[in-house]
Amino acid sequence: MGGTIGSSIAPGKSLSYRERAISFCSQVFGWKFDSVKGLPVPYVRIETGGSRGGLLKRPAKTPPMQCGTNAFVCSLEVEDFDETAKIIEQLGGVVDLGPE
């Protein structure tokens, strides 16, 4: 069953966070990542097989509790929602909403 997976990727706070995000998205979605050198902030290009994007450390403080995130919130259409949700959970992720 197809569906949309919603995800919030919080600001990259450390190299370990960035590496975890890269590993997670590579395993769940099959994305490829390539570090870009020479920029003022750490930046990684994302190749998805369709749309392209990037992962960067945001130059902003983490917002206080009970406030909205200063993260990029992303929704993706997937071929098999149930299978993708299963992989996300096996990798330690959380599926907040199911298909409606």
PDB file of N, CA and C in Angstrom:
ATOM      1  N   MET A   1       0.838  -1.175   0.000  1.00  0.00           N
ATOM      2  CA  MET A   1       0.000   0.000   0.000  1.00  0.00           C
ATOM      3  C   MET A   1       0.880   1.233   0.000  1.00  0.00           C
ATOM      4  N   GLY A   2       0.702   2.142  -0.930  1.00  0.00           N
ATOM      5  CA  GLY A   2       1.476   3.378  -0.990  1.00  0.00           C
ATOM      6  C   GLY A   2       1.035   4.332   0.088  1.00  0.00           C
ATOM      7  N   GLY A   3       1.834   5.334   0.335  1.00  0.00           N
ATOM      8  CA  GLY A   3       1.486   6.323   1.335  1.00  0.00           C
ATOM      9  C   GLY A   3       2.564   7.364   1.440  1.00  0.00           C
ATOM     10  N   THR A   4       2.370   8.291   2.358  1.00  0.00           N
ATOM     11  CA  THR A   4       3.326   9.362   2.576  1.00  0.00           C
ATOM     12  C   THR A   4       3.958   9.192   3.940  1.00  0.00           C
ATOM     13  N   ILE A   5       5.281   9.259   3.966  1.00  0.00           N
ATOM     14  CA  ILE A   5       6.036   9.210   5.216  1.00  0.00           C
ATOM     15  C   ILE A   5       6.402  10.642   5.563  1.00  0.00           C
ATOM     16  N   GLY A   6       6.089  11.086   6.761  1.00  0.00           N
ATOM     17  CA  GLY A   6       6.477  12.414   7.220  1.00  0.00           C
ATOM     18  C   GLY A   6       7.656  12.289   8.151  1.00  0.00           C
ATOM     19  N   SER A   7       8.596  13.208   8.018  1.00  0.00           N
ATOM     20  CA  SER A   7       9.803  13.132   8.828  1.00  0.00           C
ATOM     21  C   SER A   7      10.253  14.517   9.217  1.00  0.00           C
ATOM     22  N   SER A   8      10.770  14.646  10.406  1.00  0.00           N
ATOM     23  CA  SER A   8      11.382  15.894  10.842  1.00  0.00           C
ATOM     24  C   SER A   8      12.840  15.599  11.125  1.00  0.00           C
ATOM     25  N   ILE A   9      13.717  16.273  10.410  1.00  0.00           N
ATOM     26  CA  ILE A   9      15.150  16.096  10.641  1.00  0.00           C
ATOM     27  C   ILE A   9      15.629  17.315  11.386  1.00  0.00           C
ATOM     28  N   ALA A  10      15.980  17.121  12.661  1.00  0.00           N
ATOM     29  CA  ALA A  10      16.392  18.231  13.510  1.00  0.00           C
ATOM     30  C   ALA A  10      17.742  18.777  13.068  1.00  0.00           C
ATOM     31  N   PRO A  11      18.074  19.990  13.499  1.00  0.00           N
ATOM     32  CA  PRO A  11      19.342  20.584  13.109  1.00  0.00           C
ATOM     33  C   PRO A  11      20.512  19.683  13.478  1.00  0.00           C
ATOM     34  N   GLY A  12      21.507  19.616  12.622  1.00  0.00           N
ATOM     35  CA  GLY A  12      22.703  18.831  12.905  1.00  0.00           C
ATOM     36  C   GLY A  12      23.492  19.463  14.031  1.00  0.00           C
ATOM     37  N   LYS A  13      23.525  18.820  15.166  1.00  0.00           N
ATOM     38  CA  LYS A  13      24.202  19.374  16.334  1.00  0.00           C
ATOM     39  C   LYS A  13      25.644  18.918  16.409  1.00  0.00           C
ATOM     40  N   SER A  14      25.939  17.786  15.797  1.00  0.00           N
ATOM     41  CA  SER A  14      27.300  17.262  15.866  1.00  0.00           C
ATOM     42  C   SER A  14      27.528  16.339  14.683  1.00  0.00           C
ATOM     43  N   LEU A  15      28.767  15.987  14.479  1.00  0.00           N
ATOM     44  CA  LEU A  15      29.098  15.057  13.405  1.00  0.00           C
ATOM     45  C   LEU A  15      28.375  13.742  13.625  1.00  0.00           C
ATOM     46  N   SER A  16      28.264  13.286  14.866  1.00  0.00           N
ATOM     47  CA  SER A  16      27.600  12.014  15.112  1.00  0.00           C
ATOM     48  C   SER A  16      26.126  12.076  14.717  1.00  0.00           C
ATOM     49  N   TYR A  17      25.465  13.209  14.959  1.00  0.00           N
ATOM     50  CA  TYR A  17      24.070  13.351  14.533  1.00  0.00           C
ATOM     51  C   TYR A  17      23.989  13.266  13.012  1.00  0.00           C
ATOM     52  N   ARG A  18      24.854  14.001  12.332  1.00  0.00           N
ATOM     53  CA  ARG A  18      24.844  14.018  10.875  1.00  0.00           C
ATOM     54  C   ARG A  18      25.089  12.621  10.326  1.00  0.00           C
ATOM     55  N   GLU A  19      26.058  11.931  10.897  1.00  0.00           N
ATOM     56  CA  GLU A  19      26.358  10.578  10.439  1.00  0.00           C
ATOM     57  C   GLU A  19      25.184   9.638  10.679  1.00  0.00           C
ATOM     58  N   ARG A  20      24.488   9.799  11.804  1.00  0.00           N
ATOM     59  CA  ARG A  20      23.302   8.967  12.073  1.00  0.00           C
ATOM     60  C   ARG A  20      22.199   9.270  11.061  1.00  0.00           C
ATOM     61  N   ALA A  21      21.988  10.536  10.755  1.00  0.00           N
ATOM     62  CA  ALA A  21      20.953  10.915   9.787  1.00  0.00           C
ATOM     63  C   ALA A  21      21.279  10.357   8.405  1.00  0.00           C
ATOM     64  N   ILE A  22      22.549  10.436   8.012  1.00  0.00           N
ATOM     65  CA  ILE A  22      22.966   9.909   6.716  1.00  0.00           C
ATOM     66  C   ILE A  22      22.769   8.402   6.662  1.00  0.00           C
ATOM     67  N   SER A  23      23.194   7.710   7.701  1.00  0.00           N
ATOM     68  CA  SER A  23      23.040   6.257   7.745  1.00  0.00           C
ATOM     69  C   SER A  23      21.565   5.858   7.688  1.00  0.00           C
ATOM     70  N   PHE A  24      20.741   6.535   8.478  1.00  0.00           N
ATOM     71  CA  PHE A  24      19.313   6.234   8.548  1.00  0.00           C
ATOM     72  C   PHE A  24      18.647   6.432   7.191  1.00  0.00           C
ATOM     73  N   CYS A  25      18.836   7.596   6.577  1.00  0.00           N
ATOM     74  CA  CYS A  25      18.178   7.906   5.297  1.00  0.00           C
ATOM     75  C   CYS A  25      18.710   7.031   4.168  1.00  0.00           C
ATOM     76  N   SER A  26      19.993   6.672   4.233  1.00  0.00           N
ATOM     77  CA  SER A  26      20.552   5.764   3.222  1.00  0.00           C
ATOM     78  C   SER A  26      19.869   4.407   3.286  1.00  0.00           C
ATOM     79  N   GLN A  27      19.678   3.898   4.510  1.00  0.00           N
ATOM     80  CA  GLN A  27      19.084   2.573   4.680  1.00  0.00           C
ATOM     81  C   GLN A  27      17.591   2.560   4.394  1.00  0.00           C
ATOM     82  N   VAL A  28      16.872   3.606   4.801  1.00  0.00           N
ATOM     83  CA  VAL A  28      15.421   3.629   4.612  1.00  0.00           C
ATOM     84  C   VAL A  28      15.054   3.957   3.168  1.00  0.00           C
ATOM     85  N   PHE A  29      15.677   4.981   2.591  1.00  0.00           N
ATOM     86  CA  PHE A  29      15.265   5.488   1.290  1.00  0.00           C
ATOM     87  C   PHE A  29      16.239   5.190   0.154  1.00  0.00           C
ATOM     88  N   GLY A  30      17.433   4.664   0.481  1.00  0.00           N
ATOM     89  CA  GLY A  30      18.419   4.374  -0.553  1.00  0.00           C
ATOM     90  C   GLY A  30      19.107   5.619  -1.101  1.00  0.00           C
ATOM     91  N   TRP A  31      19.074   6.708  -0.335  1.00  0.00           N
ATOM     92  CA  TRP A  31      19.689   7.955  -0.787  1.00  0.00           C
ATOM     93  C   TRP A  31      21.204   7.856  -0.746  1.00  0.00           C
ATOM     94  N   LYS A  32      21.876   8.632  -1.594  1.00  0.00           N
ATOM     95  CA  LYS A  32      23.340   8.736  -1.623  1.00  0.00           C
ATOM     96  C   LYS A  32      23.733  10.121  -1.117  1.00  0.00           C
ATOM     97  N   PHE A  33      24.829  10.195  -0.364  1.00  0.00           N
ATOM     98  CA  PHE A  33      25.280  11.447   0.245  1.00  0.00           C
ATOM     99  C   PHE A  33      26.712  11.742  -0.160  1.00  0.00           C
ATOM    100  N   ASP A  34      27.004  13.042  -0.368  1.00  0.00           N
ATOM    101  CA  ASP A  34      28.329  13.464  -0.783  1.00  0.00           C
ATOM    102  C   ASP A  34      28.684  14.765  -0.069  1.00  0.00           C
ATOM    103  N   SER A  35      29.730  14.744   0.775  1.00  0.00           N
ATOM    104  CA  SER A  35      30.164  15.945   1.486  1.00  0.00           C
ATOM    105  C   SER A  35      30.733  16.969   0.513  1.00  0.00           C
ATOM    106  N   VAL A  36      30.378  18.233   0.731  1.00  0.00           N
ATOM    107  CA  VAL A  36      30.876  19.330  -0.094  1.00  0.00           C
ATOM    108  C   VAL A  36      31.912  20.095   0.725  1.00  0.00           C
ATOM    109  N   LYS A  37      33.099  20.203   0.211  1.00  0.00           N
ATOM    110  CA  LYS A  37      34.195  20.893   0.914  1.00  0.00           C
ATOM    111  C   LYS A  37      34.214  22.374   0.539  1.00  0.00           C
ATOM    112  N   GLY A  38      34.808  23.196   1.402  1.00  0.00           N
ATOM    113  CA  GLY A  38      35.051  24.599   1.104  1.00  0.00           C
ATOM    114  C   GLY A  38      33.894  25.542   1.374  1.00  0.00           C
ATOM    115  N   LEU A  39      32.831  25.076   2.027  1.00  0.00           N
ATOM    116  CA  LEU A  39      31.709  25.946   2.355  1.00  0.00           C
ATOM    117  C   LEU A  39      31.837  26.428   3.799  1.00  0.00           C
ATOM    118  N   PRO A  40      31.175  27.537   4.165  1.00  0.00           N
ATOM    119  CA  PRO A  40      31.300  28.052   5.535  1.00  0.00           C
ATOM    120  C   PRO A  40      30.645  27.183   6.612  1.00  0.00           C
ATOM    121  N   VAL A  41      29.748  26.281   6.218  1.00  0.00           N
ATOM    122  CA  VAL A  41      29.129  25.337   7.161  1.00  0.00           C
ATOM    123  C   VAL A  41      29.239  23.937   6.570  1.00  0.00           C
ATOM    124  N   PRO A  42      29.299  22.905   7.422  1.00  0.00           N
ATOM    125  CA  PRO A  42      29.304  21.540   6.890  1.00  0.00           C
ATOM    126  C   PRO A  42      28.032  21.288   6.070  1.00  0.00           C
ATOM    127  N   TYR A  43      28.203  20.788   4.853  1.00  0.00           N
ATOM    128  CA  TYR A  43      27.074  20.568   3.959  1.00  0.00           C
ATOM    129  C   TYR A  43      27.271  19.254   3.218  1.00  0.00           C
ATOM    130  N   VAL A  44      26.194  18.479   3.141  1.00  0.00           N
ATOM    131  CA  VAL A  44      26.221  17.198   2.448  1.00  0.00           C
ATOM    132  C   VAL A  44      25.125  17.208   1.394  1.00  0.00           C
ATOM    133  N   ARG A  45      25.476  16.941   0.132  1.00  0.00           N
ATOM    134  CA  ARG A  45      24.494  16.824  -0.945  1.00  0.00           C
ATOM    135  C   ARG A  45      23.766  15.503  -0.833  1.00  0.00           C
ATOM    136  N   ILE A  46      22.473  15.518  -1.141  1.00  0.00           N
ATOM    137  CA  ILE A  46      21.660  14.307  -1.107  1.00  0.00           C
ATOM    138  C   ILE A  46      21.158  14.020  -2.520  1.00  0.00           C
ATOM    139  N   GLU A  47      21.447  12.822  -3.011  1.00  0.00           N
ATOM    140  CA  GLU A  47      20.924  12.348  -4.291  1.00  0.00           C
ATOM    141  C   GLU A  47      19.866  11.295  -3.986  1.00  0.00           C
ATOM    142  N   THR A  48      18.650  11.540  -4.442  1.00  0.00           N
ATOM    143  CA  THR A  48      17.533  10.653  -4.118  1.00  0.00           C
ATOM    144  C   THR A  48      17.097   9.780  -5.284  1.00  0.00           C
ATOM    145  N   GLY A  49      17.690   9.985  -6.449  1.00  0.00           N
ATOM    146  CA  GLY A  49      17.219   9.300  -7.641  1.00  0.00           C
ATOM    147  C   GLY A  49      16.139  10.107  -8.337  1.00  0.00           C
ATOM    148  N   GLY A  50      15.788  11.238  -7.777  1.00  0.00           N
ATOM    149  CA  GLY A  50      14.791  12.146  -8.344  1.00  0.00           C
ATOM    150  C   GLY A  50      15.142  13.544  -7.884  1.00  0.00           C
ATOM    151  N   SER A  51      14.444  14.011  -6.873  1.00  0.00           N
ATOM    152  CA  SER A  51      14.743  15.315  -6.293  1.00  0.00           C
ATOM    153  C   SER A  51      16.101  15.281  -5.612  1.00  0.00           C
ATOM    154  N   ARG A  52      16.738  16.440  -5.544  1.00  0.00           N
ATOM    155  CA  ARG A  52      18.018  16.545  -4.834  1.00  0.00           C
ATOM    156  C   ARG A  52      17.839  17.473  -3.654  1.00  0.00           C
ATOM    157  N   GLY A  53      18.712  17.326  -2.682  1.00  0.00           N
ATOM    158  CA  GLY A  53      18.630  18.172  -1.501  1.00  0.00           C
ATOM    159  C   GLY A  53      19.956  18.236  -0.798  1.00  0.00           C
ATOM    160  N   GLY A  54      19.922  18.664   0.463  1.00  0.00           N
ATOM    161  CA  GLY A  54      21.143  18.771   1.230  1.00  0.00           C
ATOM    162  C   GLY A  54      20.874  18.665   2.712  1.00  0.00           C
ATOM    163  N   LEU A  55      21.915  18.364   3.447  1.00  0.00           N
ATOM    164  CA  LEU A  55      21.874  18.256   4.901  1.00  0.00           C
ATOM    165  C   LEU A  55      22.952  19.185   5.426  1.00  0.00           C
ATOM    166  N   LEU A  56      22.578  20.113   6.291  1.00  0.00           N
ATOM    167  CA  LEU A  56      23.564  21.039   6.806  1.00  0.00           C
ATOM    168  C   LEU A  56      23.331  21.316   8.281  1.00  0.00           C
ATOM    169  N   LYS A  57      24.402  21.753   8.935  1.00  0.00           N
ATOM    170  CA  LYS A  57      24.297  22.179  10.322  1.00  0.00           C
ATOM    171  C   LYS A  57      23.771  23.602  10.310  1.00  0.00           C
ATOM    172  N   ARG A  58      22.664  23.818  10.978  1.00  0.00           N
ATOM    173  CA  ARG A  58      22.059  25.148  10.987  1.00  0.00           C
ATOM    174  C   ARG A  58      22.755  26.059  11.983  1.00  0.00           C
ATOM    175  N   PRO A  59      22.983  27.284  11.590  1.00  0.00           N
ATOM    176  CA  PRO A  59      23.642  28.233  12.497  1.00  0.00           C
ATOM    177  C   PRO A  59      22.632  28.905  13.433  1.00  0.00           C
ATOM    178  N   ALA A  60      21.838  28.102  14.120  1.00  0.00           N
ATOM    179  CA  ALA A  60      20.817  28.632  15.021  1.00  0.00           C
ATOM    180  C   ALA A  60      20.769  27.782  16.281  1.00  0.00           C
ATOM    181  N   LYS A  61      20.378  28.410  17.373  1.00  0.00           N
ATOM    182  CA  LYS A  61      20.247  27.690  18.634  1.00  0.00           C
ATOM    183  C   LYS A  61      19.028  26.777  18.592  1.00  0.00           C
ATOM    184  N   THR A  62      19.082  25.710  19.391  1.00  0.00           N
ATOM    185  CA  THR A  62      17.929  24.825  19.544  1.00  0.00           C
ATOM    186  C   THR A  62      16.836  25.603  20.272  1.00  0.00           C
ATOM    187  N   PRO A  63      15.591  25.575  19.767  1.00  0.00           N
ATOM    188  CA  PRO A  63      14.515  26.318  20.426  1.00  0.00           C
ATOM    189  C   PRO A  63      14.185  25.719  21.787  1.00  0.00           C
ATOM    190  N   PRO A  64      13.607  26.533  22.687  1.00  0.00           N
ATOM    191  CA  PRO A  64      13.228  26.028  24.010  1.00  0.00           C
ATOM    192  C   PRO A  64      12.159  24.940  23.904  1.00  0.00           C
ATOM    193  N   MET A  65      12.031  24.157  24.964  1.00  0.00           N
ATOM    194  CA  MET A  65      11.007  23.116  25.016  1.00  0.00           C
ATOM    195  C   MET A  65       9.630  23.727  24.756  1.00  0.00           C
ATOM    196  N   GLN A  66       8.728  22.948  24.220  1.00  0.00           N
ATOM    197  CA  GLN A  66       7.355  23.335  23.907  1.00  0.00           C
ATOM    198  C   GLN A  66       7.268  24.354  22.771  1.00  0.00           C
ATOM    199  N   CYS A  67       8.360  24.546  22.033  1.00  0.00           N
ATOM    200  CA  CYS A  67       8.345  25.438  20.869  1.00  0.00           C
ATOM    201  C   CYS A  67       8.519  24.598  19.610  1.00  0.00           C
ATOM    202  N   GLY A  68       8.141  25.149  18.498  1.00  0.00           N
ATOM    203  CA  GLY A  68       8.322  24.458  17.226  1.00  0.00           C
ATOM    204  C   GLY A  68       9.796  24.255  16.934  1.00  0.00           C
ATOM    205  N   THR A  69      10.067  23.295  16.102  1.00  0.00           N
ATOM    206  CA  THR A  69      11.448  22.999  15.747  1.00  0.00           C
ATOM    207  C   THR A  69      11.959  23.978  14.699  1.00  0.00           C
ATOM    208  N   ASN A  70      13.275  24.141  14.654  1.00  0.00           N
ATOM    209  CA  ASN A  70      13.857  24.925  13.569  1.00  0.00           C
ATOM    210  C   ASN A  70      14.490  23.963  12.570  1.00  0.00           C
ATOM    211  N   ALA A  71      13.803  22.824  12.386  1.00  0.00           N
ATOM    212  CA  ALA A  71      14.275  21.772  11.491  1.00  0.00           C
ATOM    213  C   ALA A  71      13.511  21.824  10.173  1.00  0.00           C
ATOM    214  N   PHE A  72      14.043  21.136   9.197  1.00  0.00           N
ATOM    215  CA  PHE A  72      13.359  20.938   7.928  1.00  0.00           C
ATOM    216  C   PHE A  72      12.396  19.780   8.114  1.00  0.00           C
ATOM    217  N   VAL A  73      11.149  19.974   7.822  1.00  0.00           N
ATOM    218  CA  VAL A  73      10.153  18.918   7.936  1.00  0.00           C
ATOM    219  C   VAL A  73       9.834  18.439   6.524  1.00  0.00           C
ATOM    220  N   CYS A  74       9.935  17.159   6.322  1.00  0.00           N
ATOM    221  CA  CYS A  74       9.873  16.597   4.980  1.00  0.00           C
ATOM    222  C   CYS A  74       8.805  15.509   4.899  1.00  0.00           C
ATOM    223  N   SER A  75       8.039  15.505   3.818  1.00  0.00           N
ATOM    224  CA  SER A  75       7.099  14.424   3.538  1.00  0.00           C
ATOM    225  C   SER A  75       7.501  13.775   2.227  1.00  0.00           C
ATOM    226  N   LEU A  76       7.500  12.455   2.194  1.00  0.00           N
ATOM    227  CA  LEU A  76       7.906  11.709   1.006  1.00  0.00           C
ATOM    228  C   LEU A  76       6.840  10.699   0.646  1.00  0.00           C
ATOM    229  N   GLU A  77       6.598  10.543  -0.636  1.00  0.00           N
ATOM    230  CA  GLU A  77       5.709   9.485  -1.086  1.00  0.00           C
ATOM    231  C   GLU A  77       6.530   8.219  -1.267  1.00  0.00           C
ATOM    232  N   VAL A  78       6.032   7.104  -0.739  1.00  0.00           N
ATOM    233  CA  VAL A  78       6.735   5.819  -0.850  1.00  0.00           C
ATOM    234  C   VAL A  78       5.810   4.796  -1.497  1.00  0.00           C
ATOM    235  N   GLU A  79       6.403   3.805  -2.139  1.00  0.00           N
ATOM    236  CA  GLU A  79       5.625   2.754  -2.813  1.00  0.00           C
ATOM    237  C   GLU A  79       4.853   1.900  -1.815  1.00  0.00           C
ATOM    238  N   ASP A  80       5.507   1.520  -0.718  1.00  0.00           N
ATOM    239  CA  ASP A  80       4.911   0.609   0.257  1.00  0.00           C
ATOM    240  C   ASP A  80       5.072   1.200   1.655  1.00  0.00           C
ATOM    241  N   PHE A  81       4.027   1.877   2.128  1.00  0.00           N
ATOM    242  CA  PHE A  81       4.086   2.540   3.426  1.00  0.00           C
ATOM    243  C   PHE A  81       4.428   1.560   4.542  1.00  0.00           C
ATOM    244  N   ASP A  82       3.739   0.430   4.581  1.00  0.00           N
ATOM    245  CA  ASP A  82       3.932  -0.525   5.672  1.00  0.00           C
ATOM    246  C   ASP A  82       5.368  -1.038   5.724  1.00  0.00           C
ATOM    247  N   GLU A  83       5.942  -1.363   4.567  1.00  0.00           N
ATOM    248  CA  GLU A  83       7.324  -1.861   4.529  1.00  0.00           C
ATOM    249  C   GLU A  83       8.310  -0.769   4.937  1.00  0.00           C
ATOM    250  N   THR A  84       8.088   0.457   4.455  1.00  0.00           N
ATOM    251  CA  THR A  84       8.973   1.571   4.807  1.00  0.00           C
ATOM    252  C   THR A  84       8.875   1.873   6.298  1.00  0.00           C
ATOM    253  N   ALA A  85       7.673   1.865   6.850  1.00  0.00           N
ATOM    254  CA  ALA A  85       7.486   2.100   8.284  1.00  0.00           C
ATOM    255  C   ALA A  85       8.203   1.027   9.104  1.00  0.00           C
ATOM    256  N   LYS A  86       8.145  -0.209   8.639  1.00  0.00           N
ATOM    257  CA  LYS A  86       8.815  -1.319   9.329  1.00  0.00           C
ATOM    258  C   LYS A  86      10.336  -1.097   9.367  1.00  0.00           C
ATOM    259  N   ILE A  87      10.916  -0.676   8.249  1.00  0.00           N
ATOM    260  CA  ILE A  87      12.362  -0.405   8.193  1.00  0.00           C
ATOM    261  C   ILE A  87      12.717   0.752   9.118  1.00  0.00           C
ATOM    262  N   ILE A  88      11.909   1.814   9.101  1.00  0.00           N
ATOM    263  CA  ILE A  88      12.160   2.968   9.977  1.00  0.00           C
ATOM    264  C   ILE A  88      12.191   2.519  11.435  1.00  0.00           C
ATOM    265  N   GLU A  89      11.218   1.730  11.840  1.00  0.00           N
ATOM    266  CA  GLU A  89      11.152   1.271  13.231  1.00  0.00           C
ATOM    267  C   GLU A  89      12.303   0.323  13.563  1.00  0.00           C
ATOM    268  N   GLN A  90      12.708  -0.540  12.628  1.00  0.00           N
ATOM    269  CA  GLN A  90      13.840  -1.449  12.865  1.00  0.00           C
ATOM    270  C   GLN A  90      15.134  -0.677  13.072  1.00  0.00           C
ATOM    271  N   LEU A  91      15.235   0.503  12.463  1.00  0.00           N
ATOM    272  CA  LEU A  91      16.433   1.331  12.597  1.00  0.00           C
ATOM    273  C   LEU A  91      16.343   2.306  13.766  1.00  0.00           C
ATOM    274  N   GLY A  92      15.280   2.210  14.559  1.00  0.00           N
ATOM    275  CA  GLY A  92      15.155   3.054  15.745  1.00  0.00           C
ATOM    276  C   GLY A  92      14.345   4.313  15.528  1.00  0.00           C
ATOM    277  N   GLY A  93      13.754   4.480  14.343  1.00  0.00           N
ATOM    278  CA  GLY A  93      12.923   5.649  14.065  1.00  0.00           C
ATOM    279  C   GLY A  93      11.521   5.449  14.591  1.00  0.00           C
ATOM    280  N   VAL A  94      10.726   6.516  14.530  1.00  0.00           N
ATOM    281  CA  VAL A  94       9.350   6.483  15.008  1.00  0.00           C
ATOM    282  C   VAL A  94       8.438   6.939  13.878  1.00  0.00           C
ATOM    283  N   VAL A  95       7.363   6.210  13.645  1.00  0.00           N
ATOM    284  CA  VAL A  95       6.353   6.593  12.668  1.00  0.00           C
ATOM    285  C   VAL A  95       5.237   7.267  13.464  1.00  0.00           C
ATOM    286  N   ASP A  96       5.074   8.584  13.259  1.00  0.00           N
ATOM    287  CA  ASP A  96       4.084   9.344  14.018  1.00  0.00           C
ATOM    288  C   ASP A  96       2.671   9.143  13.516  1.00  0.00           C
ATOM    289  N   LEU A  97       2.497   9.080  12.203  1.00  0.00           N
ATOM    290  CA  LEU A  97       1.173   8.949  11.609  1.00  0.00           C
ATOM    291  C   LEU A  97       1.196   7.890  10.534  1.00  0.00           C
ATOM    292  N   GLY A  98       0.141   7.129  10.432  1.00  0.00           N
ATOM    293  CA  GLY A  98       0.018   6.134   9.380  1.00  0.00           C
ATOM    294  C   GLY A  98      -0.738   6.689   8.197  1.00  0.00           C
ATOM    295  N   PRO A  99      -0.892   5.878   7.159  1.00  0.00           N
ATOM    296  CA  PRO A  99      -1.642   6.347   5.984  1.00  0.00           C
ATOM    297  C   PRO A  99      -3.106   6.550   6.351  1.00  0.00           C
ATOM    298  N   GLU A 100      -3.712   7.519   5.725  1.00  0.00           N
ATOM    299  CA  GLU A 100      -5.136   7.800   6.022  1.00  0.00           C
ATOM    300  C   GLU A 100      -5.976   7.551   4.827  1.00  0.00           C
TER     301      GLU A 100
END
